[in-house]
């Protein structure tokens, strides 16, 4: 009888890699492309109020001029690209956990949104987009008499 040593791979690592590989196949969901420093996945919070939807995109270190927001048919695209800084740093990076040189996120906008009223502002590293809902005219109330 031969004894064979078997070292099973932890299931968590295999499952995590499987999920990472699955999501990296989609261009708008990939987390990071280390070859060119591009990150497509940035955190976004979406909230709904009675009058509008609000998107909050976490994008620290950018300037207002770095952003491009476009609406093509029903696809709202938020992109940013930071121009490389030519200044030399005096120290070396010991640990670098984030680096947003560019990103791009897209969202489908339906007919409930008033596209003419979309507004954006950049405050403290967060890009805030307000997407107002179309106002639906309520029918006038009327008493109907039975004849």
C-alpha atoms as a PDB file:
ATOM      1  CA  UNK A   1       0.000   0.000   0.000  1.00  0.00           C
ATOM      2  CA  UNK A   2       1.393   3.374  -1.022  1.00  0.00           C
ATOM      3  CA  UNK A   3       0.770   6.410   1.044  1.00  0.00           C
ATOM      4  CA  UNK A   4       0.130   9.587  -0.921  1.00  0.00           C
ATOM      5  CA  UNK A   5       0.354  12.930   0.796  1.00  0.00           C
ATOM      6  CA  UNK A   6      -2.540  15.186  -0.084  1.00  0.00           C
ATOM      7  CA  UNK A   7      -2.616  18.852   0.790  1.00  0.00           C
ATOM      8  CA  UNK A   8      -6.062  20.221  -0.001  1.00  0.00           C
ATOM      9  CA  UNK A   9      -6.359  23.858  -1.017  1.00  0.00           C
ATOM     10  CA  UNK A  10      -8.556  25.906   1.320  1.00  0.00           C
ATOM     11  CA  UNK A  11     -12.024  26.285  -0.176  1.00  0.00           C
ATOM     12  CA  UNK A  12     -12.177  29.983   0.718  1.00  0.00           C
ATOM     13  CA  UNK A  13      -9.189  30.848  -1.462  1.00  0.00           C
ATOM     14  CA  UNK A  14     -10.533  28.884  -4.403  1.00  0.00           C
ATOM     15  CA  UNK A  15     -13.969  30.460  -4.066  1.00  0.00           C
ATOM     16  CA  UNK A  16     -12.536  33.978  -3.716  1.00  0.00           C
ATOM     17  CA  UNK A  17     -10.363  33.510  -6.792  1.00  0.00           C
ATOM     18  CA  UNK A  18     -13.328  32.131  -8.698  1.00  0.00           C
ATOM     19  CA  UNK A  19     -15.418  35.189  -7.830  1.00  0.00           C
ATOM     20  CA  UNK A  20     -12.576  37.592  -8.632  1.00  0.00           C
ATOM     21  CA  UNK A  21     -12.054  35.938 -12.004  1.00  0.00           C
ATOM     22  CA  UNK A  22     -15.782  35.999 -12.722  1.00  0.00           C
ATOM     23  CA  UNK A  23     -16.170  39.707 -11.941  1.00  0.00           C
ATOM     24  CA  UNK A  24     -12.986  40.695 -13.732  1.00  0.00           C
ATOM     25  CA  UNK A  25     -14.537  39.529 -17.009  1.00  0.00           C
ATOM     26  CA  UNK A  26     -16.975  42.462 -16.924  1.00  0.00           C
ATOM     27  CA  UNK A  27     -15.403  45.813 -17.884  1.00  0.00           C
ATOM     28  CA  UNK A  28     -17.494  47.983 -15.549  1.00  0.00           C
ATOM     29  CA  UNK A  29     -17.016  45.810 -12.484  1.00  0.00           C
ATOM     30  CA  UNK A  30     -13.335  44.892 -12.490  1.00  0.00           C
ATOM     31  CA  UNK A  31     -11.512  45.995  -9.409  1.00  0.00           C
ATOM     32  CA  UNK A  32      -8.024  46.926 -10.563  1.00  0.00           C
ATOM     33  CA  UNK A  33      -5.785  46.574 -13.569  1.00  0.00           C
ATOM     34  CA  UNK A  34      -2.277  46.695 -12.156  1.00  0.00           C
ATOM     35  CA  UNK A  35      -0.642  46.945 -15.576  1.00  0.00           C
ATOM     36  CA  UNK A  36      -1.870  50.475 -16.185  1.00  0.00           C
ATOM     37  CA  UNK A  37      -3.050  51.587 -12.746  1.00  0.00           C
ATOM     38  CA  UNK A  38      -6.678  51.857 -13.823  1.00  0.00           C
ATOM     39  CA  UNK A  39      -9.405  51.035 -11.382  1.00  0.00           C
ATOM     40  CA  UNK A  40     -12.932  50.504 -12.646  1.00  0.00           C
ATOM     41  CA  UNK A  41     -14.530  49.695  -9.346  1.00  0.00           C
ATOM     42  CA  UNK A  42     -15.154  52.633  -7.060  1.00  0.00           C
ATOM     43  CA  UNK A  43     -17.678  52.543  -4.224  1.00  0.00           C
ATOM     44  CA  UNK A  44     -21.055  54.066  -5.070  1.00  0.00           C
ATOM     45  CA  UNK A  45     -23.995  54.690  -2.758  1.00  0.00           C
ATOM     46  CA  UNK A  46     -27.411  55.141  -4.361  1.00  0.00           C
ATOM     47  CA  UNK A  47     -30.277  56.557  -2.348  1.00  0.00           C
ATOM     48  CA  UNK A  48     -33.848  57.361  -3.309  1.00  0.00           C
ATOM     49  CA  UNK A  49     -36.000  60.139  -1.967  1.00  0.00           C
ATOM     50  CA  UNK A  50     -39.489  61.185  -2.979  1.00  0.00           C
ATOM     51  CA  UNK A  51     -38.174  63.591  -5.650  1.00  0.00           C
ATOM     52  CA  UNK A  52     -34.835  62.174  -6.796  1.00  0.00           C
ATOM     53  CA  UNK A  53     -32.166  59.496  -6.826  1.00  0.00           C
ATOM     54  CA  UNK A  54     -28.741  60.416  -5.484  1.00  0.00           C
ATOM     55  CA  UNK A  55     -25.475  58.758  -6.475  1.00  0.00           C
ATOM     56  CA  UNK A  56     -22.451  59.265  -4.248  1.00  0.00           C
ATOM     57  CA  UNK A  57     -19.193  58.164  -5.883  1.00  0.00           C
ATOM     58  CA  UNK A  58     -16.176  57.923  -3.580  1.00  0.00           C
ATOM     59  CA  UNK A  59     -13.291  59.452  -5.566  1.00  0.00           C
ATOM     60  CA  UNK A  60     -10.639  61.033  -3.327  1.00  0.00           C
ATOM     61  CA  UNK A  61      -7.722  62.951  -4.788  1.00  0.00           C
ATOM     62  CA  UNK A  62      -9.404  64.106  -7.986  1.00  0.00           C
ATOM     63  CA  UNK A  63     -10.176  67.627  -9.149  1.00  0.00           C
ATOM     64  CA  UNK A  64     -13.457  68.721 -10.744  1.00  0.00           C
ATOM     65  CA  UNK A  65     -11.723  68.969 -14.127  1.00  0.00           C
ATOM     66  CA  UNK A  66     -10.699  65.277 -13.937  1.00  0.00           C
ATOM     67  CA  UNK A  67     -14.327  64.076 -14.212  1.00  0.00           C
ATOM     68  CA  UNK A  68     -16.355  63.359 -17.324  1.00  0.00           C
ATOM     69  CA  UNK A  69     -20.073  62.657 -16.948  1.00  0.00           C
ATOM     70  CA  UNK A  70     -21.986  61.709 -20.077  1.00  0.00           C
ATOM     71  CA  UNK A  71     -25.483  60.537 -20.843  1.00  0.00           C
ATOM     72  CA  UNK A  72     -25.778  58.623 -24.115  1.00  0.00           C
ATOM     73  CA  UNK A  73     -29.306  57.382 -24.734  1.00  0.00           C
ATOM     74  CA  UNK A  74     -30.051  55.639 -21.415  1.00  0.00           C
ATOM     75  CA  UNK A  75     -26.471  55.041 -20.252  1.00  0.00           C
ATOM     76  CA  UNK A  76     -25.064  57.431 -17.643  1.00  0.00           C
ATOM     77  CA  UNK A  77     -21.267  57.120 -17.552  1.00  0.00           C
ATOM     78  CA  UNK A  78     -19.057  58.621 -14.862  1.00  0.00           C
ATOM     79  CA  UNK A  79     -15.351  58.612 -15.656  1.00  0.00           C
ATOM     80  CA  UNK A  80     -12.303  60.269 -14.158  1.00  0.00           C
ATOM     81  CA  UNK A  81      -8.678  60.344 -15.138  1.00  0.00           C
ATOM     82  CA  UNK A  82      -5.981  61.923 -13.038  1.00  0.00           C
ATOM     83  CA  UNK A  83      -3.090  63.344 -14.958  1.00  0.00           C
ATOM     84  CA  UNK A  84       0.213  61.927 -13.730  1.00  0.00           C
ATOM     85  CA  UNK A  85       2.025  64.142 -11.282  1.00  0.00           C
ATOM     86  CA  UNK A  86       5.511  64.983 -12.525  1.00  0.00           C
ATOM     87  CA  UNK A  87       6.770  66.080  -9.120  1.00  0.00           C
ATOM     88  CA  UNK A  88       9.183  63.684  -7.449  1.00  0.00           C
ATOM     89  CA  UNK A  89       8.354  62.428  -3.978  1.00  0.00           C
ATOM     90  CA  UNK A  90      11.101  62.621  -1.408  1.00  0.00           C
ATOM     91  CA  UNK A  91      10.257  59.271   0.196  1.00  0.00           C
ATOM     92  CA  UNK A  92       9.403  55.795  -0.929  1.00  0.00           C
ATOM     93  CA  UNK A  93       6.057  54.101  -0.469  1.00  0.00           C
ATOM     94  CA  UNK A  94       6.118  51.566   2.332  1.00  0.00           C
ATOM     95  CA  UNK A  95       2.515  50.510   1.762  1.00  0.00           C
ATOM     96  CA  UNK A  96       0.105  51.747  -0.896  1.00  0.00           C
ATOM     97  CA  UNK A  97      -3.461  50.493  -0.479  1.00  0.00           C
ATOM     98  CA  UNK A  98      -5.216  52.729  -2.971  1.00  0.00           C
ATOM     99  CA  UNK A  99      -4.320  54.472  -6.167  1.00  0.00           C
ATOM    100  CA  UNK A 100      -7.039  55.958  -8.327  1.00  0.00           C
ATOM    101  CA  UNK A 101      -5.510  57.156 -11.576  1.00  0.00           C
ATOM    102  CA  UNK A 102      -8.703  56.588 -13.491  1.00  0.00           C
ATOM    103  CA  UNK A 103     -12.049  54.855 -13.264  1.00  0.00           C
ATOM    104  CA  UNK A 104     -15.249  54.463 -15.205  1.00  0.00           C
ATOM    105  CA  UNK A 105     -18.711  53.429 -13.976  1.00  0.00           C
ATOM    106  CA  UNK A 106     -21.906  53.218 -15.988  1.00  0.00           C
ATOM    107  CA  UNK A 107     -25.533  53.123 -14.909  1.00  0.00           C
ATOM    108  CA  UNK A 108     -28.733  52.614 -16.861  1.00  0.00           C
ATOM    109  CA  UNK A 109     -31.164  55.500 -16.547  1.00  0.00           C
ATOM    110  CA  UNK A 110     -34.836  54.779 -17.160  1.00  0.00           C
ATOM    111  CA  UNK A 111     -37.693  57.009 -18.298  1.00  0.00           C
ATOM    112  CA  UNK A 112     -38.534  57.990 -14.708  1.00  0.00           C
ATOM    113  CA  UNK A 113     -35.505  60.345 -14.600  1.00  0.00           C
ATOM    114  CA  UNK A 114     -35.665  63.974 -15.737  1.00  0.00           C
ATOM    115  CA  UNK A 115     -32.380  63.945 -17.664  1.00  0.00           C
ATOM    116  CA  UNK A 116     -32.443  67.729 -18.184  1.00  0.00           C
ATOM    117  CA  UNK A 117     -32.307  68.273 -14.422  1.00  0.00           C
ATOM    118  CA  UNK A 118     -29.323  66.048 -13.557  1.00  0.00           C
ATOM    119  CA  UNK A 119     -26.895  67.944 -11.337  1.00  0.00           C
ATOM    120  CA  UNK A 120     -23.409  67.079 -10.071  1.00  0.00           C
ATOM    121  CA  UNK A 121     -21.076  68.437  -7.410  1.00  0.00           C
ATOM    122  CA  UNK A 122     -17.753  67.290  -5.964  1.00  0.00           C
ATOM    123  CA  UNK A 123     -17.393  67.767  -2.217  1.00  0.00           C
ATOM    124  CA  UNK A 124     -14.628  66.413   0.045  1.00  0.00           C
ATOM    125  CA  UNK A 125     -13.634  63.552  -2.273  1.00  0.00           C
ATOM    126  CA  UNK A 126     -17.200  62.475  -3.052  1.00  0.00           C
ATOM    127  CA  UNK A 127     -18.887  63.104  -6.400  1.00  0.00           C
ATOM    128  CA  UNK A 128     -22.606  63.615  -5.792  1.00  0.00           C
ATOM    129  CA  UNK A 129     -25.078  63.311  -8.658  1.00  0.00           C
ATOM    130  CA  UNK A 130     -28.716  64.266  -8.221  1.00  0.00           C
ATOM    131  CA  UNK A 131     -31.050  62.582 -10.686  1.00  0.00           C
ATOM    132  CA  UNK A 132     -34.490  64.168 -10.294  1.00  0.00           C
ATOM    133  CA  UNK A 133     -37.573  62.094 -10.930  1.00  0.00           C
ATOM    134  CA  UNK A 134     -40.025  63.249 -13.580  1.00  0.00           C
ATOM    135  CA  UNK A 135     -43.047  64.869 -12.038  1.00  0.00           C
ATOM    136  CA  UNK A 136     -46.140  62.923 -12.928  1.00  0.00           C
ATOM    137  CA  UNK A 137     -49.146  65.137 -13.240  1.00  0.00           C
ATOM    138  CA  UNK A 138     -51.934  63.897 -11.064  1.00  0.00           C
ATOM    139  CA  UNK A 139     -55.344  63.911 -12.667  1.00  0.00           C
ATOM    140  CA  UNK A 140     -57.607  66.635 -11.387  1.00  0.00           C
ATOM    141  CA  UNK A 141     -60.027  65.407  -8.826  1.00  0.00           C
ATOM    142  CA  UNK A 142     -63.607  65.486  -9.944  1.00  0.00           C
ATOM    143  CA  UNK A 143     -66.834  64.339  -8.456  1.00  0.00           C
ATOM    144  CA  UNK A 144     -68.727  62.165 -10.901  1.00  0.00           C
ATOM    145  CA  UNK A 145     -72.433  61.955 -10.573  1.00  0.00           C
ATOM    146  CA  UNK A 146     -74.314  58.793 -11.356  1.00  0.00           C
ATOM    147  CA  UNK A 147     -77.190  59.314 -13.759  1.00  0.00           C
END
